[in-house]
PDB file of all heavy atoms in Angstrom:
ATOM      1  N   GLU A   1       0.185  20.750  -1.432  1.00  0.00           N
ATOM      2  CA  GLU A   1      -0.385  21.602  -2.489  1.00  0.00           C
ATOM      3  C   GLU A   1      -0.929  20.701  -3.593  1.00  0.00           C
ATOM      4  O   GLU A   1      -0.191  19.923  -4.164  1.00  0.00           O
ATOM      5  CB  GLU A   1       0.701  22.521  -3.103  1.00  0.00           C
ATOM      6  CG  GLU A   1       0.200  23.443  -4.159  1.00  0.00           C
ATOM      7  CD  GLU A   1       1.305  24.318  -4.630  1.00  0.00           C
ATOM      8  OE1 GLU A   1       2.305  23.843  -5.129  1.00  0.00           O
ATOM      9  OE2 GLU A   1       1.052  25.570  -4.554  1.00  0.00           O
ATOM     10  N   LYS A   2      -2.254  20.874  -3.828  1.00  0.00           N
ATOM     11  CA  LYS A   2      -2.889  19.924  -4.807  1.00  0.00           C
ATOM     12  C   LYS A   2      -2.881  20.598  -6.224  1.00  0.00           C
ATOM     13  O   LYS A   2      -3.806  21.076  -6.785  1.00  0.00           O
ATOM     14  CB  LYS A   2      -4.367  19.728  -4.340  1.00  0.00           C
ATOM     15  CG  LYS A   2      -4.365  18.880  -3.055  1.00  0.00           C
ATOM     16  CD  LYS A   2      -5.802  18.503  -2.629  1.00  0.00           C
ATOM     17  CE  LYS A   2      -5.674  17.685  -1.434  1.00  0.00           C
ATOM     18  NZ  LYS A   2      -7.050  17.309  -0.904  1.00  0.00           N
ATOM     19  N   ASP A   3      -1.677  20.460  -6.773  1.00  0.00           N
ATOM     20  CA  ASP A   3      -1.458  20.957  -8.101  1.00  0.00           C
ATOM     21  C   ASP A   3      -1.401  19.867  -9.224  1.00  0.00           C
ATOM     22  O   ASP A   3      -2.072  18.848  -8.926  1.00  0.00           O
ATOM     23  CB  ASP A   3      -0.076  21.739  -8.205  1.00  0.00           C
ATOM     24  CG  ASP A   3       1.077  20.866  -7.920  1.00  0.00           C
ATOM     25  OD1 ASP A   3       0.884  19.605  -7.713  1.00  0.00           O
ATOM     26  OD2 ASP A   3       2.199  21.360  -7.827  1.00  0.00           O
ATOM     27  N   GLU A   4      -0.957  20.089 -10.364  1.00  0.00           N
ATOM     28  CA  GLU A   4      -1.033  19.123 -11.333  1.00  0.00           C
ATOM     29  C   GLU A   4      -0.203  17.810 -11.095  1.00  0.00           C
ATOM     30  O   GLU A   4      -0.470  16.857 -11.761  1.00  0.00           O
ATOM     31  CB  GLU A   4      -0.396  19.761 -12.710  1.00  0.00           C
ATOM     32  CG  GLU A   4       1.042  19.997 -12.732  1.00  0.00           C
ATOM     33  CD  GLU A   4       1.398  21.302 -12.140  1.00  0.00           C
ATOM     34  OE1 GLU A   4       0.613  22.027 -11.589  1.00  0.00           O
ATOM     35  OE2 GLU A   4       2.671  21.692 -12.221  1.00  0.00           O
ATOM     36  N   ASN A   5       0.616  17.900 -10.166  1.00  0.00           N
ATOM     37  CA  ASN A   5       1.377  16.639  -9.720  1.00  0.00           C
ATOM     38  C   ASN A   5       0.658  15.791  -8.722  1.00  0.00           C
ATOM     39  O   ASN A   5       1.078  14.621  -8.395  1.00  0.00           O
ATOM     40  CB  ASN A   5       2.791  16.935  -9.307  1.00  0.00           C
ATOM     41  CG  ASN A   5       3.600  17.533 -10.413  1.00  0.00           C
ATOM     42  OD1 ASN A   5       3.576  17.070 -11.473  1.00  0.00           O
ATOM     43  ND2 ASN A   5       4.320  18.570 -10.065  1.00  0.00           N
ATOM     44  N   PHE A   6      -0.363  16.308  -8.070  1.00  0.00           N
ATOM     45  CA  PHE A   6      -0.951  15.709  -6.907  1.00  0.00           C
ATOM     46  C   PHE A   6      -1.576  14.360  -7.241  1.00  0.00           C
ATOM     47  O   PHE A   6      -1.471  13.330  -6.514  1.00  0.00           O
ATOM     48  CB  PHE A   6      -1.980  16.539  -6.140  1.00  0.00           C
ATOM     49  CG  PHE A   6      -2.617  15.959  -4.995  1.00  0.00           C
ATOM     50  CD1 PHE A   6      -1.870  15.784  -3.776  1.00  0.00           C
ATOM     51  CD2 PHE A   6      -3.928  15.471  -5.024  1.00  0.00           C
ATOM     52  CE1 PHE A   6      -2.471  15.152  -2.656  1.00  0.00           C
ATOM     53  CE2 PHE A   6      -4.448  14.815  -3.966  1.00  0.00           C
ATOM     54  CZ  PHE A   6      -3.755  14.680  -2.792  1.00  0.00           C
ATOM     55  N   ASP A   7      -2.362  14.237  -8.323  1.00  0.00           N
ATOM     56  CA  ASP A   7      -2.975  13.019  -8.702  1.00  0.00           C
ATOM     57  C   ASP A   7      -1.963  11.883  -8.935  1.00  0.00           C
ATOM     58  O   ASP A   7      -2.250  10.717  -8.461  1.00  0.00           O
ATOM     59  CB  ASP A   7      -3.841  13.163  -9.974  1.00  0.00           C
ATOM     60  CG  ASP A   7      -5.134  13.890  -9.672  1.00  0.00           C
ATOM     61  OD1 ASP A   7      -5.548  14.026  -8.390  1.00  0.00           O
ATOM     62  OD2 ASP A   7      -5.835  14.379 -10.623  1.00  0.00           O
ATOM     63  N   SER A   8      -0.915  12.235  -9.510  1.00  0.00           N
ATOM     64  CA  SER A   8       0.117  11.136  -9.750  1.00  0.00           C
ATOM     65  C   SER A   8       0.794  10.757  -8.466  1.00  0.00           C
ATOM     66  O   SER A   8       1.089   9.576  -8.214  1.00  0.00           O
ATOM     67  CB  SER A   8       1.215  11.756 -10.689  1.00  0.00           C
ATOM     68  OG  SER A   8       0.782  12.004 -11.983  1.00  0.00           O
ATOM     69  N   TYR A   9       0.937  11.715  -7.564  1.00  0.00           N
ATOM     70  CA  TYR A   9       1.460  11.490  -6.213  1.00  0.00           C
ATOM     71  C   TYR A   9       0.604  10.480  -5.488  1.00  0.00           C
ATOM     72  O   TYR A   9       1.034   9.506  -4.818  1.00  0.00           O
ATOM     73  CB  TYR A   9       1.717  12.697  -5.444  1.00  0.00           C
ATOM     74  CG  TYR A   9       1.941  12.553  -3.936  1.00  0.00           C
ATOM     75  CD1 TYR A   9       3.211  12.250  -3.484  1.00  0.00           C
ATOM     76  CD2 TYR A   9       0.873  12.804  -3.048  1.00  0.00           C
ATOM     77  CE1 TYR A   9       3.361  12.050  -2.060  1.00  0.00           C
ATOM     78  CE2 TYR A   9       1.138  12.634  -1.689  1.00  0.00           C
ATOM     79  CZ  TYR A   9       2.356  12.247  -1.226  1.00  0.00           C
ATOM     80  OH  TYR A   9       2.601  12.103   0.107  1.00  0.00           O
ATOM     81  N   ARG A  10      -0.724  10.828  -5.452  1.00  0.00           N
ATOM     82  CA  ARG A  10      -1.701  10.067  -4.706  1.00  0.00           C
ATOM     83  C   ARG A  10      -1.800   8.605  -5.254  1.00  0.00           C
ATOM     84  O   ARG A  10      -1.800   7.697  -4.478  1.00  0.00           O
ATOM     85  CB  ARG A  10      -3.081  10.733  -4.817  1.00  0.00           C
ATOM     86  CG  ARG A  10      -4.156  10.132  -3.928  1.00  0.00           C
ATOM     87  CD  ARG A  10      -5.480  10.877  -3.994  1.00  0.00           C
ATOM     88  NE  ARG A  10      -6.418  10.382  -2.951  1.00  0.00           N
ATOM     89  CZ  ARG A  10      -7.257   9.338  -3.218  1.00  0.00           C
ATOM     90  NH1 ARG A  10      -7.182   8.633  -4.392  1.00  0.00           N
ATOM     91  NH2 ARG A  10      -8.053   8.912  -2.287  1.00  0.00           N
ATOM     92  N   LYS A  11      -1.773   8.473  -6.617  1.00  0.00           N
ATOM     93  CA  LYS A  11      -1.855   7.182  -7.219  1.00  0.00           C
ATOM     94  C   LYS A  11      -0.566   6.349  -6.810  1.00  0.00           C
ATOM     95  O   LYS A  11      -0.626   5.096  -6.537  1.00  0.00           O
ATOM     96  CB  LYS A  11      -1.940   7.243  -8.722  1.00  0.00           C
ATOM     97  CG  LYS A  11      -3.387   7.741  -9.173  1.00  0.00           C
ATOM     98  CD  LYS A  11      -3.424   7.965 -10.658  1.00  0.00           C
ATOM     99  CE  LYS A  11      -4.758   8.491 -11.115  1.00  0.00           C
ATOM    100  NZ  LYS A  11      -4.783   8.884 -12.572  1.00  0.00           N
ATOM    101  N   ASN A  12       0.543   7.015  -6.837  1.00  0.00           N
ATOM    102  CA  ASN A  12       1.777   6.338  -6.610  1.00  0.00           C
ATOM    103  C   ASN A  12       1.830   5.862  -5.165  1.00  0.00           C
ATOM    104  O   ASN A  12       2.303   4.749  -4.786  1.00  0.00           O
ATOM    105  CB  ASN A  12       2.991   7.319  -6.805  1.00  0.00           C
ATOM    106  CG  ASN A  12       4.294   6.672  -6.492  1.00  0.00           C
ATOM    107  OD1 ASN A  12       4.920   6.908  -5.508  1.00  0.00           O
ATOM    108  ND2 ASN A  12       4.811   5.932  -7.526  1.00  0.00           N
ATOM    109  N   ARG A  13       1.312   6.654  -4.159  1.00  0.00           N
ATOM    110  CA  ARG A  13       1.329   6.336  -2.794  1.00  0.00           C
ATOM    111  C   ARG A  13       0.362   5.100  -2.574  1.00  0.00           C
ATOM    112  O   ARG A  13       0.720   4.153  -1.779  1.00  0.00           O
ATOM    113  CB  ARG A  13       0.936   7.409  -1.866  1.00  0.00           C
ATOM    114  CG  ARG A  13       1.864   8.605  -1.839  1.00  0.00           C
ATOM    115  CD  ARG A  13       3.255   8.235  -1.301  1.00  0.00           C
ATOM    116  NE  ARG A  13       3.229   8.098   0.110  1.00  0.00           N
ATOM    117  CZ  ARG A  13       4.244   7.528   0.825  1.00  0.00           C
ATOM    118  NH1 ARG A  13       5.312   7.025   0.249  1.00  0.00           N
ATOM    119  NH2 ARG A  13       4.209   7.485   2.086  1.00  0.00           N
ATOM    120  N   ILE A  14      -0.769   5.161  -3.152  1.00  0.00           N
ATOM    121  CA  ILE A  14      -1.747   4.045  -2.991  1.00  0.00           C
ATOM    122  C   ILE A  14      -1.172   2.716  -3.634  1.00  0.00           C
ATOM    123  O   ILE A  14      -1.341   1.652  -3.183  1.00  0.00           O
ATOM    124  CB  ILE A  14      -3.077   4.454  -3.635  1.00  0.00           C
ATOM    125  CG1 ILE A  14      -3.776   5.557  -2.733  1.00  0.00           C
ATOM    126  CG2 ILE A  14      -4.042   3.198  -3.717  1.00  0.00           C
ATOM    127  CD1 ILE A  14      -5.063   6.139  -3.313  1.00  0.00           C
ATOM    128  N   TYR A  15      -0.497   2.926  -4.875  1.00  0.00           N
ATOM    129  CA  TYR A  15       0.074   1.723  -5.512  1.00  0.00           C
ATOM    130  C   TYR A  15       1.100   1.079  -4.639  1.00  0.00           C
ATOM    131  O   TYR A  15       1.118  -0.152  -4.539  1.00  0.00           O
ATOM    132  CB  TYR A  15       0.734   2.243  -6.811  1.00  0.00           C
ATOM    133  CG  TYR A  15       1.636   1.146  -7.400  1.00  0.00           C
ATOM    134  CD1 TYR A  15       1.060   0.083  -8.106  1.00  0.00           C
ATOM    135  CD2 TYR A  15       3.002   1.241  -7.263  1.00  0.00           C
ATOM    136  CE1 TYR A  15       1.869  -0.932  -8.619  1.00  0.00           C
ATOM    137  CE2 TYR A  15       3.751   0.252  -7.845  1.00  0.00           C
ATOM    138  CZ  TYR A  15       3.198  -0.820  -8.618  1.00  0.00           C
ATOM    139  OH  TYR A  15       4.068  -1.742  -9.131  1.00  0.00           O
ATOM    140  N   LYS A  16       1.958   1.898  -3.877  1.00  0.00           N
ATOM    141  CA  LYS A  16       3.028   1.304  -2.994  1.00  0.00           C
ATOM    142  C   LYS A  16       2.285   0.575  -1.866  1.00  0.00           C
ATOM    143  O   LYS A  16       2.687  -0.489  -1.377  1.00  0.00           O
ATOM    144  CB  LYS A  16       3.882   2.382  -2.505  1.00  0.00           C
ATOM    145  CG  LYS A  16       4.854   2.921  -3.624  1.00  0.00           C
ATOM    146  CD  LYS A  16       5.804   3.978  -3.039  1.00  0.00           C
ATOM    147  CE  LYS A  16       6.767   4.310  -4.066  1.00  0.00           C
ATOM    148  NZ  LYS A  16       7.774   5.402  -3.589  1.00  0.00           N
ATOM    149  N   LEU A  17       1.178   1.166  -1.367  1.00  0.00           N
ATOM    150  CA  LEU A  17       0.414   0.525  -0.357  1.00  0.00           C
ATOM    151  C   LEU A  17      -0.229  -0.833  -0.818  1.00  0.00           C
ATOM    152  O   LEU A  17      -0.087  -1.867  -0.139  1.00  0.00           O
ATOM    153  CB  LEU A  17      -0.703   1.458   0.149  1.00  0.00           C
ATOM    154  CG  LEU A  17      -1.321   1.318   1.527  1.00  0.00           C
ATOM    155  CD1 LEU A  17      -0.315   1.248   2.640  1.00  0.00           C
ATOM    156  CD2 LEU A  17      -2.315   2.424   1.742  1.00  0.00           C
ATOM    157  N   GLU A  18      -0.787  -0.789  -1.958  1.00  0.00           N
ATOM    158  CA  GLU A  18      -1.325  -2.045  -2.501  1.00  0.00           C
ATOM    159  C   GLU A  18      -0.382  -3.101  -2.694  1.00  0.00           C
ATOM    160  O   GLU A  18      -0.630  -4.318  -2.548  1.00  0.00           O
ATOM    161  CB  GLU A  18      -2.069  -1.744  -3.854  1.00  0.00           C
ATOM    162  CG  GLU A  18      -3.405  -0.893  -3.581  1.00  0.00           C
ATOM    163  CD  GLU A  18      -4.048  -0.445  -4.897  1.00  0.00           C
ATOM    164  OE1 GLU A  18      -3.308  -0.341  -5.924  1.00  0.00           O
ATOM    165  OE2 GLU A  18      -5.259  -0.033  -4.806  1.00  0.00           O
ATOM    166  N   LYS A  19       0.848  -2.676  -3.149  1.00  0.00           N
ATOM    167  CA  LYS A  19       1.929  -3.608  -3.409  1.00  0.00           C
ATOM    168  C   LYS A  19       2.356  -4.302  -2.118  1.00  0.00           C
ATOM    169  O   LYS A  19       2.604  -5.515  -2.052  1.00  0.00           O
ATOM    170  CB  LYS A  19       3.178  -2.818  -3.932  1.00  0.00           C
ATOM    171  CG  LYS A  19       4.232  -3.759  -4.587  1.00  0.00           C
ATOM    172  CD  LYS A  19       5.266  -2.868  -5.255  1.00  0.00           C
ATOM    173  CE  LYS A  19       6.367  -3.849  -5.898  1.00  0.00           C
ATOM    174  NZ  LYS A  19       7.364  -3.035  -6.549  1.00  0.00           N
ATOM    175  N   GLN A  20       2.383  -3.570  -0.983  1.00  0.00           N
ATOM    176  CA  GLN A  20       2.670  -4.162   0.322  1.00  0.00           C
ATOM    177  C   GLN A  20       1.581  -5.060   0.766  1.00  0.00           C
ATOM    178  O   GLN A  20       1.832  -6.166   1.299  1.00  0.00           O
ATOM    179  CB  GLN A  20       2.856  -3.071   1.389  1.00  0.00           C
ATOM    180  CG  GLN A  20       4.157  -2.166   1.219  1.00  0.00           C
ATOM    181  CD  GLN A  20       4.221  -1.168   2.308  1.00  0.00           C
ATOM    182  OE1 GLN A  20       4.460  -1.425   3.435  1.00  0.00           O
ATOM    183  NE2 GLN A  20       4.023   0.095   1.937  1.00  0.00           N
ATOM    184  N   ILE A  21       0.291  -4.674   0.570  1.00  0.00           N
ATOM    185  CA  ILE A  21      -0.814  -5.506   0.885  1.00  0.00           C
ATOM    186  C   ILE A  21      -0.838  -6.816   0.163  1.00  0.00           C
ATOM    187  O   ILE A  21      -0.974  -7.925   0.691  1.00  0.00           O
ATOM    188  CB  ILE A  21      -2.137  -4.798   0.642  1.00  0.00           C
ATOM    189  CG1 ILE A  21      -2.264  -3.628   1.637  1.00  0.00           C
ATOM    190  CG2 ILE A  21      -3.315  -5.743   0.716  1.00  0.00           C
ATOM    191  CD1 ILE A  21      -3.395  -2.660   1.331  1.00  0.00           C
ATOM    192  N   ASN A  22      -0.490  -6.728  -1.123  1.00  0.00           N
ATOM    193  CA  ASN A  22      -0.455  -8.004  -1.933  1.00  0.00           C
ATOM    194  C   ASN A  22       0.714  -8.930  -1.526  1.00  0.00           C
ATOM    195  O   ASN A  22       0.602 -10.170  -1.555  1.00  0.00           O
ATOM    196  CB  ASN A  22      -0.257  -7.655  -3.446  1.00  0.00           C
ATOM    197  CG  ASN A  22      -1.495  -6.992  -4.057  1.00  0.00           C
ATOM    198  OD1 ASN A  22      -2.667  -7.191  -3.566  1.00  0.00           O
ATOM    199  ND2 ASN A  22      -1.393  -6.256  -5.053  1.00  0.00           N
ATOM    200  N   GLY A  23       1.851  -8.322  -1.181  1.00  0.00           N
ATOM    201  CA  GLY A  23       2.948  -9.127  -0.689  1.00  0.00           C
ATOM    202  C   GLY A  23       2.703  -9.802   0.625  1.00  0.00           C
ATOM    203  O   GLY A  23       3.305 -10.949   0.806  1.00  0.00           O
ATOM    204  N   LEU A  24       1.846  -9.285   1.474  1.00  0.00           N
ATOM    205  CA  LEU A  24       1.484  -9.888   2.725  1.00  0.00           C
ATOM    206  C   LEU A  24       0.323 -10.819   2.656  1.00  0.00           C
ATOM    207  O   LEU A  24       0.039 -11.529   3.704  1.00  0.00           O
ATOM    208  CB  LEU A  24       1.336  -8.792   3.813  1.00  0.00           C
ATOM    209  CG  LEU A  24       2.528  -7.937   4.182  1.00  0.00           C
ATOM    210  CD1 LEU A  24       2.104  -6.753   4.981  1.00  0.00           C
ATOM    211  CD2 LEU A  24       3.590  -8.792   4.957  1.00  0.00           C
ATOM    212  N   SER A  25      -0.461 -10.718   1.723  1.00  0.00           N
ATOM    213  CA  SER A  25      -1.808 -11.378   1.724  1.00  0.00           C
ATOM    214  C   SER A  25      -1.768 -12.964   1.766  1.00  0.00           C
ATOM    215  O   SER A  25      -2.620 -13.598   2.160  1.00  0.00           O
ATOM    216  CB  SER A  25      -2.593 -10.972   0.468  1.00  0.00           C
ATOM    217  OG  SER A  25      -1.964 -11.389  -0.744  1.00  0.00           O
ATOM    218  N   MET A  26      -0.603 -13.529   1.321  1.00  0.00           N
ATOM    219  CA  MET A  26      -0.455 -14.966   1.357  1.00  0.00           C
ATOM    220  C   MET A  26       0.143 -15.544   2.637  1.00  0.00           C
ATOM    221  O   MET A  26       0.216 -16.677   2.776  1.00  0.00           O
ATOM    222  CB  MET A  26       0.299 -15.359   0.073  1.00  0.00           C
ATOM    223  CG  MET A  26      -0.268 -14.958  -1.188  1.00  0.00           C
ATOM    224  SD  MET A  26      -1.872 -15.660  -1.446  1.00  0.00           S
ATOM    225  CE  MET A  26      -1.541 -17.393  -1.636  1.00  0.00           C
ATOM    226  N   SER A  27       0.577 -14.610   3.447  1.00  0.00           N
ATOM    227  CA  SER A  27       1.307 -15.004   4.695  1.00  0.00           C
ATOM    228  C   SER A  27       0.326 -15.418   5.784  1.00  0.00           C
ATOM    229  O   SER A  27      -0.715 -14.790   5.962  1.00  0.00           O
ATOM    230  CB  SER A  27       2.204 -13.991   5.108  1.00  0.00           C
ATOM    231  OG  SER A  27       2.818 -14.279   6.386  1.00  0.00           O
ATOM    232  N   GLU A  28       0.617 -16.416   6.561  1.00  0.00           N
ATOM    233  CA  GLU A  28      -0.126 -16.839   7.769  1.00  0.00           C
ATOM    234  C   GLU A  28       0.559 -16.441   9.067  1.00  0.00           C
ATOM    235  O   GLU A  28       0.073 -16.660  10.168  1.00  0.00           O
ATOM    236  CB  GLU A  28      -0.456 -18.280   7.675  1.00  0.00           C
ATOM    237  CG  GLU A  28      -1.333 -18.675   6.512  1.00  0.00           C
ATOM    238  CD  GLU A  28      -1.641 -20.203   6.517  1.00  0.00           C
ATOM    239  OE1 GLU A  28      -1.160 -20.920   7.427  1.00  0.00           O
ATOM    240  OE2 GLU A  28      -2.423 -20.636   5.630  1.00  0.00           O
ATOM    241  N   ASN A  29       1.758 -15.854   8.906  1.00  0.00           N
ATOM    242  CA  ASN A  29       2.519 -15.382  10.097  1.00  0.00           C
ATOM    243  C   ASN A  29       1.684 -14.346  10.870  1.00  0.00           C
ATOM    244  O   ASN A  29       1.193 -13.417  10.178  1.00  0.00           O
ATOM    245  CB  ASN A  29       3.866 -14.898   9.683  1.00  0.00           C
ATOM    246  CG  ASN A  29       4.625 -14.359  10.773  1.00  0.00           C
ATOM    247  OD1 ASN A  29       4.407 -13.206  11.225  1.00  0.00           O
ATOM    248  ND2 ASN A  29       5.647 -15.145  11.191  1.00  0.00           N
ATOM    249  N   GLU A  30       1.594 -14.518  12.159  1.00  0.00           N
ATOM    250  CA  GLU A  30       0.709 -13.624  12.888  1.00  0.00           C
ATOM    251  C   GLU A  30       1.124 -12.081  12.775  1.00  0.00           C
ATOM    252  O   GLU A  30       0.292 -11.243  12.597  1.00  0.00           O
ATOM    253  CB  GLU A  30       0.776 -13.972  14.443  1.00  0.00           C
ATOM    254  CG  GLU A  30      -0.147 -13.186  15.280  1.00  0.00           C
ATOM    255  CD  GLU A  30      -0.215 -13.510  16.716  1.00  0.00           C
ATOM    256  OE1 GLU A  30       0.510 -14.548  17.048  1.00  0.00           O
ATOM    257  OE2 GLU A  30      -0.873 -12.890  17.518  1.00  0.00           O
ATOM    258  N   LYS A  31       2.487 -11.894  12.798  1.00  0.00           N
ATOM    259  CA  LYS A  31       2.977 -10.506  12.661  1.00  0.00           C
ATOM    260  C   LYS A  31       2.652  -9.983  11.306  1.00  0.00           C
ATOM    261  O   LYS A  31       2.127  -8.815  11.260  1.00  0.00           O
ATOM    262  CB  LYS A  31       4.482 -10.562  12.861  1.00  0.00           C
ATOM    263  CG  LYS A  31       5.152  -9.218  12.817  1.00  0.00           C
ATOM    264  CD  LYS A  31       6.659  -9.269  13.067  1.00  0.00           C
ATOM    265  CE  LYS A  31       7.322  -7.873  12.950  1.00  0.00           C
ATOM    266  NZ  LYS A  31       8.730  -7.950  13.192  1.00  0.00           N
ATOM    267  N   ASN A  32       2.703 -10.752  10.256  1.00  0.00           N
ATOM    268  CA  ASN A  32       2.458 -10.279   8.927  1.00  0.00           C
ATOM    269  C   ASN A  32       0.945 -10.013   8.692  1.00  0.00           C
ATOM    270  O   ASN A  32       0.517  -9.123   8.066  1.00  0.00           O
ATOM    271  CB  ASN A  32       2.912 -11.235   7.870  1.00  0.00           C
ATOM    272  CG  ASN A  32       4.375 -11.269   7.750  1.00  0.00           C
ATOM    273  OD1 ASN A  32       5.137 -10.381   8.149  1.00  0.00           O
ATOM    274  ND2 ASN A  32       4.900 -12.313   7.159  1.00  0.00           N
ATOM    275  N   VAL A  33       0.079 -10.968   9.354  1.00  0.00           N
ATOM    276  CA  VAL A  33      -1.271 -10.816   9.294  1.00  0.00           C
ATOM    277  C   VAL A  33      -1.703  -9.463   9.953  1.00  0.00           C
ATOM    278  O   VAL A  33      -2.608  -8.777   9.462  1.00  0.00           O
ATOM    279  CB  VAL A  33      -2.063 -12.019   9.907  1.00  0.00           C
ATOM    280  CG1 VAL A  33      -3.531 -11.739  10.118  1.00  0.00           C
ATOM    281  CG2 VAL A  33      -1.929 -13.202   9.105  1.00  0.00           C
ATOM    282  N   ASN A  34      -1.165  -9.229  11.184  1.00  0.00           N
ATOM    283  CA  ASN A  34      -1.432  -7.992  11.749  1.00  0.00           C
ATOM    284  C   ASN A  34      -1.097  -6.728  10.963  1.00  0.00           C
ATOM    285  O   ASN A  34      -1.827  -5.779  10.850  1.00  0.00           O
ATOM    286  CB  ASN A  34      -0.797  -7.908  13.195  1.00  0.00           C
ATOM    287  CG  ASN A  34      -1.323  -8.843  14.195  1.00  0.00           C
ATOM    288  OD1 ASN A  34      -2.504  -9.314  14.023  1.00  0.00           O
ATOM    289  ND2 ASN A  34      -0.569  -9.257  15.163  1.00  0.00           N
ATOM    290  N   ARG A  35       0.077  -6.784  10.343  1.00  0.00           N
ATOM    291  CA  ARG A  35       0.584  -5.704   9.479  1.00  0.00           C
ATOM    292  C   ARG A  35      -0.349  -5.568   8.256  1.00  0.00           C
ATOM    293  O   ARG A  35      -0.716  -4.492   7.857  1.00  0.00           O
ATOM    294  CB  ARG A  35       2.015  -6.029   9.054  1.00  0.00           C
ATOM    295  CG  ARG A  35       2.579  -5.022   8.117  1.00  0.00           C
ATOM    296  CD  ARG A  35       2.595  -3.602   8.750  1.00  0.00           C
ATOM    297  NE  ARG A  35       3.278  -2.610   7.920  1.00  0.00           N
ATOM    298  CZ  ARG A  35       3.032  -1.303   8.007  1.00  0.00           C
ATOM    299  NH1 ARG A  35       2.334  -0.824   9.034  1.00  0.00           N
ATOM    300  NH2 ARG A  35       3.663  -0.485   7.196  1.00  0.00           N
ATOM    301  N   LEU A  36      -0.848  -6.702   7.704  1.00  0.00           N
ATOM    302  CA  LEU A  36      -1.679  -6.689   6.611  1.00  0.00           C
ATOM    303  C   LEU A  36      -3.027  -5.950   6.959  1.00  0.00           C
ATOM    304  O   LEU A  36      -3.548  -5.075   6.155  1.00  0.00           O
ATOM    305  CB  LEU A  36      -2.058  -8.145   6.128  1.00  0.00           C
ATOM    306  CG  LEU A  36      -3.096  -8.268   4.994  1.00  0.00           C
ATOM    307  CD1 LEU A  36      -2.647  -7.637   3.674  1.00  0.00           C
ATOM    308  CD2 LEU A  36      -3.336  -9.735   4.837  1.00  0.00           C
ATOM    309  N   ASN A  37      -3.552  -6.263   8.091  1.00  0.00           N
ATOM    310  CA  ASN A  37      -4.802  -5.599   8.554  1.00  0.00           C
ATOM    311  C   ASN A  37      -4.599  -4.084   8.763  1.00  0.00           C
ATOM    312  O   ASN A  37      -5.493  -3.285   8.437  1.00  0.00           O
ATOM    313  CB  ASN A  37      -5.307  -6.223   9.823  1.00  0.00           C
ATOM    314  CG  ASN A  37      -5.861  -7.610   9.618  1.00  0.00           C
ATOM    315  OD1 ASN A  37      -6.321  -7.950   8.478  1.00  0.00           O
ATOM    316  ND2 ASN A  37      -5.747  -8.535  10.611  1.00  0.00           N
TER     317      ASN A  37
END
């Protein structure tokens, strides 16, 4: 339901995704690189 809380929810989910991406971006481990992609 896209009510008054939806924008905050969407931003929060994308923020968590970006946090994982940033955490993996410096790794050269093949498994981590695949996960990053």
